[in-house]
Amino acid sequence: MVRRTSFNKRLIVLLLIFFGLFYAAFFLYSLQAKGKGDVLMTDARRLVPVKVKKVVATKEIEQIKQIIIETKDEDLKIFIAGKQHNQGGQTYYKEAIVLDMTTYNKVINILPEEKLITVQGGATWTDVQEAINPYQLSVKTIQTPNIFTIGDSMSVNVHGRDLRFGPIIESIRSFRLMNAEGRS
């Protein structure tokens, strides 16, 4: 019994050392990339680092359109980032332009009588809830963590479900989508 406890403690210590070295190596890799002017994006677990060309915080539709046109003219890849909580790095492209949508987060309109709110794609579920709280309303169906943007939720198959009210998508009346030519 004493030997097994000692073995378990040693195993835990070895695992902690291994993961500590792994994260230290990743941190040094990140510093090296930043020193060269590169921007390093990674998944939520920091396992899949990718160097991108630049990150642009978006605020206005015209700015988004312009970035789309520029990346197309320069034959660059573009990807859209919300809270960046993917866990496999599948949304990142090497040398791409990143559209950071978290600054495109305005609450545009609230119609409490209709129980309708209009927001930009970078607004989080927390933003929505805080906006409707004064009207004594709440979100009917929501992802369990409320830190994600509305665009995040929609882009990952709109998960989040309430047995009484169905999935999140049933709470979305409409949305605008911009195509590769910058038209919505």
N, C-alpha and C. Protein backbone atom coordinates (compact mmCIF):
# COMPACT_ATOMS: atom_id res chain seq x y z
N MET A 1 0.82 -1.18 0.00
CA MET A 1 0.00 0.00 0.00
C MET A 1 0.87 1.26 0.00
N VAL A 2 1.93 1.28 0.78
CA VAL A 2 2.82 2.43 0.86
C VAL A 2 3.56 2.61 -0.46
N ARG A 3 4.01 1.51 -1.09
CA ARG A 3 4.75 1.58 -2.35
C ARG A 3 3.88 2.15 -3.46
N ARG A 4 2.64 1.76 -3.52
CA ARG A 4 1.76 2.24 -4.58
C ARG A 4 1.53 3.75 -4.47
N THR A 5 1.33 4.28 -3.27
CA THR A 5 1.15 5.70 -3.05
C THR A 5 2.40 6.45 -3.47
N SER A 6 3.55 5.91 -3.15
CA SER A 6 4.82 6.52 -3.54
C SER A 6 4.96 6.54 -5.06
N PHE A 7 4.57 5.44 -5.72
CA PHE A 7 4.63 5.37 -7.18
C PHE A 7 3.70 6.41 -7.81
N ASN A 8 2.48 6.53 -7.28
CA ASN A 8 1.52 7.51 -7.80
C ASN A 8 2.03 8.94 -7.66
N LYS A 9 2.66 9.24 -6.54
CA LYS A 9 3.22 10.57 -6.34
C LYS A 9 4.34 10.84 -7.34
N ARG A 10 5.19 9.86 -7.57
CA ARG A 10 6.29 10.02 -8.54
C ARG A 10 5.74 10.23 -9.95
N LEU A 11 4.72 9.47 -10.29
CA LEU A 11 4.11 9.60 -11.61
C LEU A 11 3.51 11.00 -11.80
N ILE A 12 2.83 11.50 -10.80
CA ILE A 12 2.26 12.83 -10.86
C ILE A 12 3.35 13.88 -11.01
N VAL A 13 4.42 13.75 -10.25
CA VAL A 13 5.53 14.71 -10.35
C VAL A 13 6.15 14.66 -11.74
N LEU A 14 6.36 13.47 -12.29
CA LEU A 14 6.93 13.35 -13.63
C LEU A 14 6.01 13.97 -14.69
N LEU A 15 4.72 13.73 -14.56
CA LEU A 15 3.77 14.33 -15.50
C LEU A 15 3.77 15.86 -15.40
N LEU A 16 3.83 16.38 -14.20
CA LEU A 16 3.89 17.83 -14.03
C LEU A 16 5.16 18.41 -14.65
N ILE A 17 6.26 17.74 -14.47
CA ILE A 17 7.52 18.20 -15.07
C ILE A 17 7.41 18.16 -16.60
N PHE A 18 6.88 17.06 -17.13
CA PHE A 18 6.72 16.94 -18.59
C PHE A 18 5.87 18.07 -19.15
N PHE A 19 4.70 18.30 -18.57
CA PHE A 19 3.82 19.35 -19.07
C PHE A 19 4.42 20.73 -18.85
N GLY A 20 5.14 20.92 -17.76
CA GLY A 20 5.82 22.20 -17.53
C GLY A 20 6.86 22.48 -18.60
N LEU A 21 7.64 21.46 -18.97
CA LEU A 21 8.63 21.63 -20.03
C LEU A 21 7.96 21.88 -21.37
N PHE A 22 6.87 21.19 -21.63
CA PHE A 22 6.13 21.38 -22.88
C PHE A 22 5.65 22.83 -23.01
N TYR A 23 5.02 23.36 -21.96
CA TYR A 23 4.53 24.72 -22.01
C TYR A 23 5.67 25.73 -22.03
N ALA A 24 6.78 25.45 -21.38
CA ALA A 24 7.94 26.34 -21.45
C ALA A 24 8.47 26.40 -22.88
N ALA A 25 8.53 25.25 -23.55
CA ALA A 25 8.99 25.22 -24.94
C ALA A 25 8.05 26.02 -25.83
N PHE A 26 6.76 25.87 -25.62
CA PHE A 26 5.78 26.62 -26.40
C PHE A 26 5.92 28.11 -26.15
N PHE A 27 6.12 28.50 -24.88
CA PHE A 27 6.29 29.91 -24.53
C PHE A 27 7.52 30.49 -25.23
N LEU A 28 8.63 29.77 -25.21
CA LEU A 28 9.84 30.24 -25.89
C LEU A 28 9.62 30.35 -27.39
N TYR A 29 8.91 29.40 -27.97
CA TYR A 29 8.58 29.43 -29.40
C TYR A 29 7.74 30.68 -29.70
N SER A 30 6.79 30.99 -28.82
CA SER A 30 5.95 32.18 -28.99
C SER A 30 6.78 33.45 -28.95
N LEU A 31 7.70 33.54 -28.00
CA LEU A 31 8.55 34.72 -27.90
C LEU A 31 9.43 34.88 -29.14
N GLN A 32 9.96 33.76 -29.63
CA GLN A 32 10.80 33.80 -30.82
C GLN A 32 9.99 34.31 -32.02
N ALA A 33 8.78 33.83 -32.17
CA ALA A 33 7.94 34.26 -33.29
C ALA A 33 7.60 35.74 -33.17
N LYS A 34 7.29 36.21 -31.96
CA LYS A 34 6.94 37.62 -31.78
C LYS A 34 8.15 38.51 -32.04
N GLY A 35 9.31 38.04 -31.68
CA GLY A 35 10.53 38.80 -31.93
C GLY A 35 10.79 39.02 -33.41
N LYS A 36 10.28 38.18 -34.27
CA LYS A 36 10.46 38.30 -35.71
C LYS A 36 9.34 39.10 -36.35
N GLY A 37 8.42 39.62 -35.56
CA GLY A 37 7.31 40.39 -36.10
C GLY A 37 6.13 39.52 -36.51
N ASP A 38 6.24 38.22 -36.34
CA ASP A 38 5.14 37.34 -36.67
C ASP A 38 4.11 37.36 -35.55
N VAL A 39 2.90 37.01 -35.89
CA VAL A 39 1.83 36.88 -34.90
C VAL A 39 1.52 35.40 -34.79
N LEU A 40 1.48 34.92 -33.60
CA LEU A 40 1.25 33.50 -33.36
C LEU A 40 -0.16 33.30 -32.82
N MET A 41 -0.96 32.52 -33.53
CA MET A 41 -2.30 32.15 -33.08
C MET A 41 -2.23 30.69 -32.66
N THR A 42 -3.10 30.33 -31.72
CA THR A 42 -3.12 28.94 -31.28
C THR A 42 -4.52 28.56 -30.83
N ASP A 43 -4.71 27.27 -30.66
CA ASP A 43 -6.00 26.78 -30.18
C ASP A 43 -6.10 27.00 -28.68
N ALA A 44 -7.25 26.70 -28.10
CA ALA A 44 -7.49 26.96 -26.68
C ALA A 44 -6.51 26.22 -25.78
N ARG A 45 -6.06 25.07 -26.21
CA ARG A 45 -5.13 24.29 -25.39
C ARG A 45 -3.67 24.64 -25.67
N ARG A 46 -3.44 25.54 -26.61
CA ARG A 46 -2.10 25.99 -26.98
C ARG A 46 -1.24 24.85 -27.53
N LEU A 47 -1.87 23.95 -28.26
CA LEU A 47 -1.16 22.81 -28.81
C LEU A 47 -0.81 22.97 -30.28
N VAL A 48 -1.53 23.86 -30.99
CA VAL A 48 -1.35 23.97 -32.44
C VAL A 48 -1.04 25.43 -32.80
N PRO A 49 0.19 25.90 -32.58
CA PRO A 49 0.51 27.28 -32.92
C PRO A 49 0.67 27.47 -34.44
N VAL A 50 0.18 28.59 -34.94
CA VAL A 50 0.26 28.91 -36.36
C VAL A 50 0.66 30.37 -36.50
N LYS A 51 1.66 30.66 -37.32
CA LYS A 51 2.05 32.04 -37.59
C LYS A 51 1.11 32.62 -38.62
N VAL A 52 0.53 33.78 -38.30
CA VAL A 52 -0.36 34.46 -39.22
C VAL A 52 0.26 35.80 -39.61
N LYS A 53 -0.24 36.37 -40.68
CA LYS A 53 0.30 37.63 -41.18
C LYS A 53 -0.02 38.79 -40.24
N LYS A 54 -1.31 38.94 -39.88
CA LYS A 54 -1.70 39.98 -38.93
C LYS A 54 -3.11 39.71 -38.41
N VAL A 55 -3.41 40.37 -37.30
CA VAL A 55 -4.74 40.30 -36.70
C VAL A 55 -5.34 41.70 -36.78
N VAL A 56 -6.57 41.79 -37.29
CA VAL A 56 -7.25 43.07 -37.43
C VAL A 56 -8.53 43.03 -36.59
N ALA A 57 -8.60 43.94 -35.62
CA ALA A 57 -9.82 44.07 -34.81
C ALA A 57 -10.83 44.86 -35.62
N THR A 58 -11.97 44.28 -35.88
CA THR A 58 -12.98 44.90 -36.74
C THR A 58 -14.02 45.63 -35.91
N LYS A 59 -14.52 46.75 -36.47
CA LYS A 59 -15.56 47.50 -35.77
C LYS A 59 -16.71 47.88 -36.68
N GLU A 60 -16.45 48.01 -37.97
CA GLU A 60 -17.46 48.50 -38.90
C GLU A 60 -17.55 47.59 -40.12
N ILE A 61 -18.73 47.55 -40.72
CA ILE A 61 -18.97 46.74 -41.92
C ILE A 61 -18.01 47.13 -43.05
N GLU A 62 -17.82 48.44 -43.25
CA GLU A 62 -16.96 48.89 -44.35
C GLU A 62 -15.53 48.40 -44.16
N GLN A 63 -15.06 48.38 -42.93
CA GLN A 63 -13.71 47.89 -42.65
C GLN A 63 -13.61 46.40 -42.98
N ILE A 64 -14.62 45.65 -42.63
CA ILE A 64 -14.63 44.21 -42.93
C ILE A 64 -14.62 43.99 -44.44
N LYS A 65 -15.45 44.74 -45.16
CA LYS A 65 -15.48 44.63 -46.62
C LYS A 65 -14.11 44.92 -47.21
N GLN A 66 -13.48 45.99 -46.74
CA GLN A 66 -12.17 46.39 -47.27
C GLN A 66 -11.12 45.30 -47.03
N ILE A 67 -11.13 44.71 -45.86
CA ILE A 67 -10.17 43.64 -45.55
C ILE A 67 -10.41 42.44 -46.46
N ILE A 68 -11.66 42.10 -46.69
CA ILE A 68 -11.98 40.98 -47.57
C ILE A 68 -11.47 41.25 -48.98
N ILE A 69 -11.69 42.46 -49.49
CA ILE A 69 -11.24 42.81 -50.83
C ILE A 69 -9.72 42.79 -50.91
N GLU A 70 -9.05 43.36 -49.91
CA GLU A 70 -7.57 43.38 -49.90
C GLU A 70 -6.99 41.97 -49.87
N THR A 71 -7.54 41.11 -49.04
CA THR A 71 -6.99 39.75 -48.95
C THR A 71 -7.22 38.99 -50.26
N LYS A 72 -8.34 39.25 -50.90
CA LYS A 72 -8.61 38.61 -52.19
C LYS A 72 -7.63 39.10 -53.25
N ASP A 73 -7.40 40.43 -53.28
CA ASP A 73 -6.47 41.02 -54.24
C ASP A 73 -5.04 40.51 -54.04
N GLU A 74 -4.66 40.28 -52.79
CA GLU A 74 -3.31 39.82 -52.47
C GLU A 74 -3.21 38.30 -52.41
N ASP A 75 -4.31 37.61 -52.72
CA ASP A 75 -4.37 36.15 -52.71
C ASP A 75 -3.97 35.58 -51.34
N LEU A 76 -4.50 36.19 -50.29
CA LEU A 76 -4.24 35.74 -48.93
C LEU A 76 -5.46 35.02 -48.38
N LYS A 77 -5.22 34.16 -47.43
CA LYS A 77 -6.32 33.50 -46.72
C LYS A 77 -6.81 34.44 -45.63
N ILE A 78 -8.06 34.26 -45.26
CA ILE A 78 -8.65 35.06 -44.20
C ILE A 78 -9.43 34.12 -43.29
N PHE A 79 -9.38 34.36 -42.00
CA PHE A 79 -10.27 33.61 -41.13
C PHE A 79 -10.82 34.53 -40.05
N ILE A 80 -11.96 34.15 -39.56
CA ILE A 80 -12.70 34.97 -38.62
C ILE A 80 -12.53 34.37 -37.23
N ALA A 81 -12.24 35.23 -36.26
CA ALA A 81 -12.01 34.77 -34.90
C ALA A 81 -12.96 35.47 -33.94
N GLY A 82 -13.56 34.69 -33.07
CA GLY A 82 -14.37 35.23 -31.98
C GLY A 82 -13.55 35.07 -30.71
N LYS A 83 -14.02 34.26 -29.81
CA LYS A 83 -13.31 34.02 -28.55
C LYS A 83 -12.16 33.01 -28.71
N GLN A 84 -12.02 32.45 -29.89
CA GLN A 84 -10.89 31.57 -30.24
C GLN A 84 -10.76 30.40 -29.26
N HIS A 85 -11.83 29.69 -29.10
CA HIS A 85 -11.84 28.59 -28.14
C HIS A 85 -11.83 27.23 -28.80
N ASN A 86 -11.49 27.19 -30.11
CA ASN A 86 -11.42 25.87 -30.74
C ASN A 86 -10.27 25.09 -30.10
N GLN A 87 -10.32 23.80 -30.18
CA GLN A 87 -9.32 23.01 -29.49
C GLN A 87 -8.47 22.15 -30.42
N GLY A 88 -8.52 22.44 -31.70
CA GLY A 88 -7.72 21.65 -32.62
C GLY A 88 -6.97 22.47 -33.64
N GLY A 89 -7.08 23.79 -33.59
CA GLY A 89 -6.38 24.64 -34.52
C GLY A 89 -6.93 24.57 -35.94
N GLN A 90 -8.09 23.96 -36.11
CA GLN A 90 -8.62 23.74 -37.45
C GLN A 90 -9.07 25.01 -38.15
N THR A 91 -9.16 26.12 -37.46
CA THR A 91 -9.62 27.35 -38.10
C THR A 91 -8.50 28.29 -38.49
N TYR A 92 -7.26 27.93 -38.23
CA TYR A 92 -6.15 28.83 -38.51
C TYR A 92 -5.44 28.44 -39.80
N TYR A 93 -4.99 29.47 -40.52
CA TYR A 93 -4.24 29.26 -41.74
C TYR A 93 -2.90 29.98 -41.64
N LYS A 94 -1.85 29.34 -42.05
CA LYS A 94 -0.52 29.95 -42.03
C LYS A 94 -0.51 31.18 -42.94
N GLU A 95 0.07 32.27 -42.45
CA GLU A 95 0.22 33.53 -43.18
C GLU A 95 -1.13 34.15 -43.58
N ALA A 96 -2.17 33.90 -42.80
CA ALA A 96 -3.50 34.43 -43.09
C ALA A 96 -3.72 35.76 -42.38
N ILE A 97 -4.78 36.43 -42.75
CA ILE A 97 -5.25 37.62 -42.05
C ILE A 97 -6.36 37.16 -41.11
N VAL A 98 -6.28 37.56 -39.86
CA VAL A 98 -7.28 37.18 -38.87
C VAL A 98 -8.21 38.36 -38.63
N LEU A 99 -9.50 38.15 -38.82
CA LEU A 99 -10.49 39.17 -38.47
C LEU A 99 -10.96 38.89 -37.05
N ASP A 100 -10.53 39.72 -36.11
CA ASP A 100 -10.95 39.57 -34.72
C ASP A 100 -12.31 40.25 -34.57
N MET A 101 -13.35 39.45 -34.44
CA MET A 101 -14.71 39.97 -34.41
C MET A 101 -15.16 40.41 -33.02
N THR A 102 -14.33 40.22 -32.00
CA THR A 102 -14.77 40.54 -30.64
C THR A 102 -14.99 42.04 -30.43
N THR A 103 -14.43 42.87 -31.30
CA THR A 103 -14.68 44.31 -31.19
C THR A 103 -15.88 44.75 -32.04
N TYR A 104 -16.44 43.84 -32.80
CA TYR A 104 -17.65 44.09 -33.58
C TYR A 104 -18.80 43.56 -32.72
N ASN A 105 -19.12 44.29 -31.64
CA ASN A 105 -19.93 43.70 -30.58
C ASN A 105 -21.06 44.59 -30.06
N LYS A 106 -21.56 45.48 -30.88
CA LYS A 106 -22.60 46.41 -30.42
C LYS A 106 -23.97 45.72 -30.30
N VAL A 107 -24.71 46.17 -29.31
CA VAL A 107 -26.13 45.84 -29.22
C VAL A 107 -26.81 46.94 -30.02
N ILE A 108 -27.45 46.58 -31.11
CA ILE A 108 -28.00 47.56 -32.04
C ILE A 108 -29.42 47.99 -31.66
N ASN A 109 -30.24 47.03 -31.27
CA ASN A 109 -31.64 47.35 -31.01
C ASN A 109 -32.24 46.32 -30.06
N ILE A 110 -33.12 46.80 -29.19
CA ILE A 110 -33.87 45.90 -28.30
C ILE A 110 -35.35 46.27 -28.43
N LEU A 111 -36.16 45.27 -28.74
CA LEU A 111 -37.61 45.44 -28.79
C LEU A 111 -38.20 44.52 -27.72
N PRO A 112 -38.31 45.02 -26.48
CA PRO A 112 -38.75 44.15 -25.38
C PRO A 112 -40.13 43.55 -25.57
N GLU A 113 -41.05 44.28 -26.19
CA GLU A 113 -42.40 43.76 -26.38
C GLU A 113 -42.40 42.54 -27.30
N GLU A 114 -41.50 42.57 -28.28
CA GLU A 114 -41.40 41.45 -29.22
C GLU A 114 -40.39 40.40 -28.76
N LYS A 115 -39.70 40.70 -27.67
CA LYS A 115 -38.63 39.83 -27.16
C LYS A 115 -37.61 39.58 -28.27
N LEU A 116 -37.14 40.69 -28.84
CA LEU A 116 -36.23 40.65 -29.98
C LEU A 116 -35.06 41.59 -29.73
N ILE A 117 -33.86 41.10 -29.99
CA ILE A 117 -32.65 41.91 -29.85
C ILE A 117 -31.82 41.74 -31.11
N THR A 118 -31.22 42.83 -31.56
CA THR A 118 -30.34 42.80 -32.73
C THR A 118 -28.94 43.16 -32.24
N VAL A 119 -27.98 42.30 -32.55
CA VAL A 119 -26.60 42.51 -32.12
C VAL A 119 -25.64 42.24 -33.27
N GLN A 120 -24.43 42.75 -33.13
CA GLN A 120 -23.38 42.41 -34.07
C GLN A 120 -22.80 41.06 -33.68
N GLY A 121 -22.16 40.39 -34.64
CA GLY A 121 -21.68 39.03 -34.43
C GLY A 121 -20.66 38.84 -33.32
N GLY A 122 -19.96 39.89 -32.93
CA GLY A 122 -18.96 39.77 -31.87
C GLY A 122 -19.50 39.96 -30.47
N ALA A 123 -20.79 40.28 -30.35
CA ALA A 123 -21.41 40.41 -29.03
C ALA A 123 -21.45 39.03 -28.38
N THR A 124 -21.21 38.98 -27.09
CA THR A 124 -21.26 37.70 -26.37
C THR A 124 -22.64 37.48 -25.80
N TRP A 125 -22.86 36.26 -25.35
CA TRP A 125 -24.13 35.95 -24.68
C TRP A 125 -24.26 36.77 -23.41
N THR A 126 -23.14 37.08 -22.76
CA THR A 126 -23.17 37.95 -21.59
C THR A 126 -23.65 39.34 -21.98
N ASP A 127 -23.16 39.88 -23.11
CA ASP A 127 -23.61 41.19 -23.60
C ASP A 127 -25.11 41.19 -23.82
N VAL A 128 -25.62 40.13 -24.43
CA VAL A 128 -27.05 40.03 -24.71
C VAL A 128 -27.83 40.02 -23.40
N GLN A 129 -27.40 39.19 -22.46
CA GLN A 129 -28.13 39.08 -21.20
C GLN A 129 -28.12 40.40 -20.44
N GLU A 130 -26.96 41.07 -20.41
CA GLU A 130 -26.89 42.36 -19.71
C GLU A 130 -27.78 43.41 -20.38
N ALA A 131 -27.90 43.35 -21.70
CA ALA A 131 -28.74 44.32 -22.43
C ALA A 131 -30.22 44.10 -22.17
N ILE A 132 -30.64 42.87 -21.98
CA ILE A 132 -32.07 42.60 -21.80
C ILE A 132 -32.49 42.51 -20.33
N ASN A 133 -31.54 42.45 -19.42
CA ASN A 133 -31.86 42.40 -17.99
C ASN A 133 -32.78 43.53 -17.54
N PRO A 134 -32.56 44.79 -17.94
CA PRO A 134 -33.45 45.87 -17.48
C PRO A 134 -34.92 45.68 -17.90
N TYR A 135 -35.15 44.85 -18.90
CA TYR A 135 -36.51 44.59 -19.37
C TYR A 135 -37.09 43.31 -18.75
N GLN A 136 -36.36 42.77 -17.78
CA GLN A 136 -36.74 41.53 -17.09
C GLN A 136 -36.92 40.38 -18.08
N LEU A 137 -36.02 40.31 -19.03
CA LEU A 137 -36.00 39.23 -20.01
C LEU A 137 -34.73 38.41 -19.80
N SER A 138 -34.74 37.22 -20.34
CA SER A 138 -33.53 36.39 -20.30
C SER A 138 -33.45 35.60 -21.60
N VAL A 139 -32.27 35.07 -21.85
CA VAL A 139 -32.05 34.27 -23.05
C VAL A 139 -32.72 32.92 -22.83
N LYS A 140 -33.50 32.49 -23.81
CA LYS A 140 -34.26 31.24 -23.69
C LYS A 140 -33.34 30.03 -23.75
N THR A 141 -32.48 29.97 -24.75
CA THR A 141 -31.56 28.86 -24.93
C THR A 141 -30.17 29.43 -25.14
N ILE A 142 -29.19 28.90 -24.44
CA ILE A 142 -27.85 29.47 -24.46
C ILE A 142 -26.81 28.37 -24.32
N GLN A 143 -25.62 28.63 -24.84
CA GLN A 143 -24.51 27.71 -24.57
C GLN A 143 -24.23 27.78 -23.08
N THR A 144 -23.74 26.71 -22.52
CA THR A 144 -23.48 26.70 -21.08
C THR A 144 -22.50 27.80 -20.69
N PRO A 145 -21.32 27.92 -21.33
CA PRO A 145 -20.49 29.09 -21.02
C PRO A 145 -21.01 30.29 -21.81
N ASN A 146 -21.23 31.40 -21.14
CA ASN A 146 -21.80 32.55 -21.82
C ASN A 146 -20.74 33.53 -22.35
N ILE A 147 -19.50 33.09 -22.41
CA ILE A 147 -18.41 33.95 -22.86
C ILE A 147 -18.29 34.00 -24.38
N PHE A 148 -18.95 33.09 -25.09
CA PHE A 148 -18.79 33.01 -26.53
C PHE A 148 -19.58 34.09 -27.24
N THR A 149 -19.11 34.44 -28.44
CA THR A 149 -19.83 35.43 -29.22
C THR A 149 -20.99 34.75 -29.94
N ILE A 150 -21.93 35.57 -30.36
CA ILE A 150 -23.07 35.05 -31.11
C ILE A 150 -22.56 34.41 -32.40
N GLY A 151 -21.61 35.06 -33.05
CA GLY A 151 -21.00 34.49 -34.26
C GLY A 151 -20.33 33.16 -33.99
N ASP A 152 -19.64 33.03 -32.84
CA ASP A 152 -19.03 31.75 -32.46
C ASP A 152 -20.09 30.66 -32.42
N SER A 153 -21.17 30.94 -31.72
CA SER A 153 -22.22 29.94 -31.54
C SER A 153 -22.80 29.51 -32.88
N MET A 154 -23.05 30.48 -33.74
CA MET A 154 -23.63 30.16 -35.04
C MET A 154 -22.65 29.39 -35.92
N SER A 155 -21.36 29.68 -35.80
CA SER A 155 -20.37 29.04 -36.68
C SER A 155 -20.04 27.61 -36.28
N VAL A 156 -20.41 27.20 -35.09
CA VAL A 156 -20.12 25.83 -34.66
C VAL A 156 -21.41 25.02 -34.55
N ASN A 157 -22.25 25.20 -35.53
CA ASN A 157 -23.48 24.43 -35.64
C ASN A 157 -24.49 24.78 -34.55
N VAL A 158 -24.38 25.98 -34.03
CA VAL A 158 -25.32 26.52 -33.07
C VAL A 158 -25.67 25.52 -31.97
N HIS A 159 -24.64 25.03 -31.30
CA HIS A 159 -24.94 24.10 -30.21
C HIS A 159 -25.42 24.85 -28.99
N GLY A 160 -25.91 24.18 -28.06
CA GLY A 160 -26.60 24.73 -26.91
C GLY A 160 -28.04 24.30 -27.05
N ARG A 161 -28.58 23.69 -26.03
CA ARG A 161 -29.90 23.11 -26.19
C ARG A 161 -30.64 23.15 -24.86
N ASP A 162 -31.91 23.40 -24.96
CA ASP A 162 -32.80 23.31 -23.82
C ASP A 162 -33.90 22.34 -24.23
N LEU A 163 -34.15 21.34 -23.43
CA LEU A 163 -35.13 20.31 -23.79
C LEU A 163 -36.51 20.88 -24.06
N ARG A 164 -36.86 21.97 -23.40
CA ARG A 164 -38.18 22.58 -23.58
C ARG A 164 -38.25 23.47 -24.82
N PHE A 165 -37.14 24.14 -25.16
CA PHE A 165 -37.19 25.16 -26.21
C PHE A 165 -36.36 24.83 -27.45
N GLY A 166 -35.64 23.72 -27.45
CA GLY A 166 -34.87 23.33 -28.62
C GLY A 166 -33.50 23.99 -28.67
N PRO A 167 -32.81 23.83 -29.79
CA PRO A 167 -31.46 24.39 -29.93
C PRO A 167 -31.48 25.90 -30.14
N ILE A 168 -30.32 26.52 -29.99
CA ILE A 168 -30.19 27.97 -30.12
C ILE A 168 -30.73 28.47 -31.45
N ILE A 169 -30.50 27.75 -32.52
CA ILE A 169 -30.90 28.23 -33.84
C ILE A 169 -32.39 28.56 -33.91
N GLU A 170 -33.20 27.91 -33.10
CA GLU A 170 -34.63 28.19 -33.11
C GLU A 170 -34.96 29.54 -32.45
N SER A 171 -33.95 30.15 -31.79
CA SER A 171 -34.14 31.47 -31.19
C SER A 171 -33.64 32.58 -32.11
N ILE A 172 -33.00 32.23 -33.21
CA ILE A 172 -32.44 33.23 -34.13
C ILE A 172 -33.44 33.46 -35.25
N ARG A 173 -33.92 34.68 -35.35
CA ARG A 173 -34.91 35.00 -36.37
C ARG A 173 -34.25 35.23 -37.72
N SER A 174 -33.11 35.93 -37.75
CA SER A 174 -32.40 36.17 -39.01
C SER A 174 -30.97 36.59 -38.70
N PHE A 175 -30.12 36.54 -39.74
CA PHE A 175 -28.76 37.04 -39.63
C PHE A 175 -28.27 37.44 -41.01
N ARG A 176 -27.28 38.33 -41.02
CA ARG A 176 -26.65 38.73 -42.27
C ARG A 176 -25.32 38.03 -42.38
N LEU A 177 -25.01 37.62 -43.60
CA LEU A 177 -23.77 36.91 -43.86
C LEU A 177 -23.06 37.64 -44.99
N MET A 178 -21.77 37.91 -44.83
CA MET A 178 -21.01 38.57 -45.88
C MET A 178 -20.27 37.52 -46.69
N ASN A 179 -20.34 37.64 -48.02
CA ASN A 179 -19.69 36.65 -48.88
C ASN A 179 -18.24 37.05 -49.19
N ALA A 180 -17.55 36.26 -49.98
CA ALA A 180 -16.14 36.47 -50.29
C ALA A 180 -15.89 37.72 -51.12
N GLU A 181 -16.93 38.31 -51.69
CA GLU A 181 -16.79 39.56 -52.46
C GLU A 181 -17.07 40.79 -51.58
N GLY A 182 -17.40 40.58 -50.31
CA GLY A 182 -17.70 41.69 -49.42
C GLY A 182 -19.13 42.17 -49.49
N ARG A 183 -20.01 41.36 -50.05
CA ARG A 183 -21.43 41.71 -50.13
C ARG A 183 -22.20 40.96 -49.05
N SER A 184 -23.19 41.66 -48.49
CA SER A 184 -24.01 40.99 -47.48
C SER A 184 -25.48 41.04 -47.87
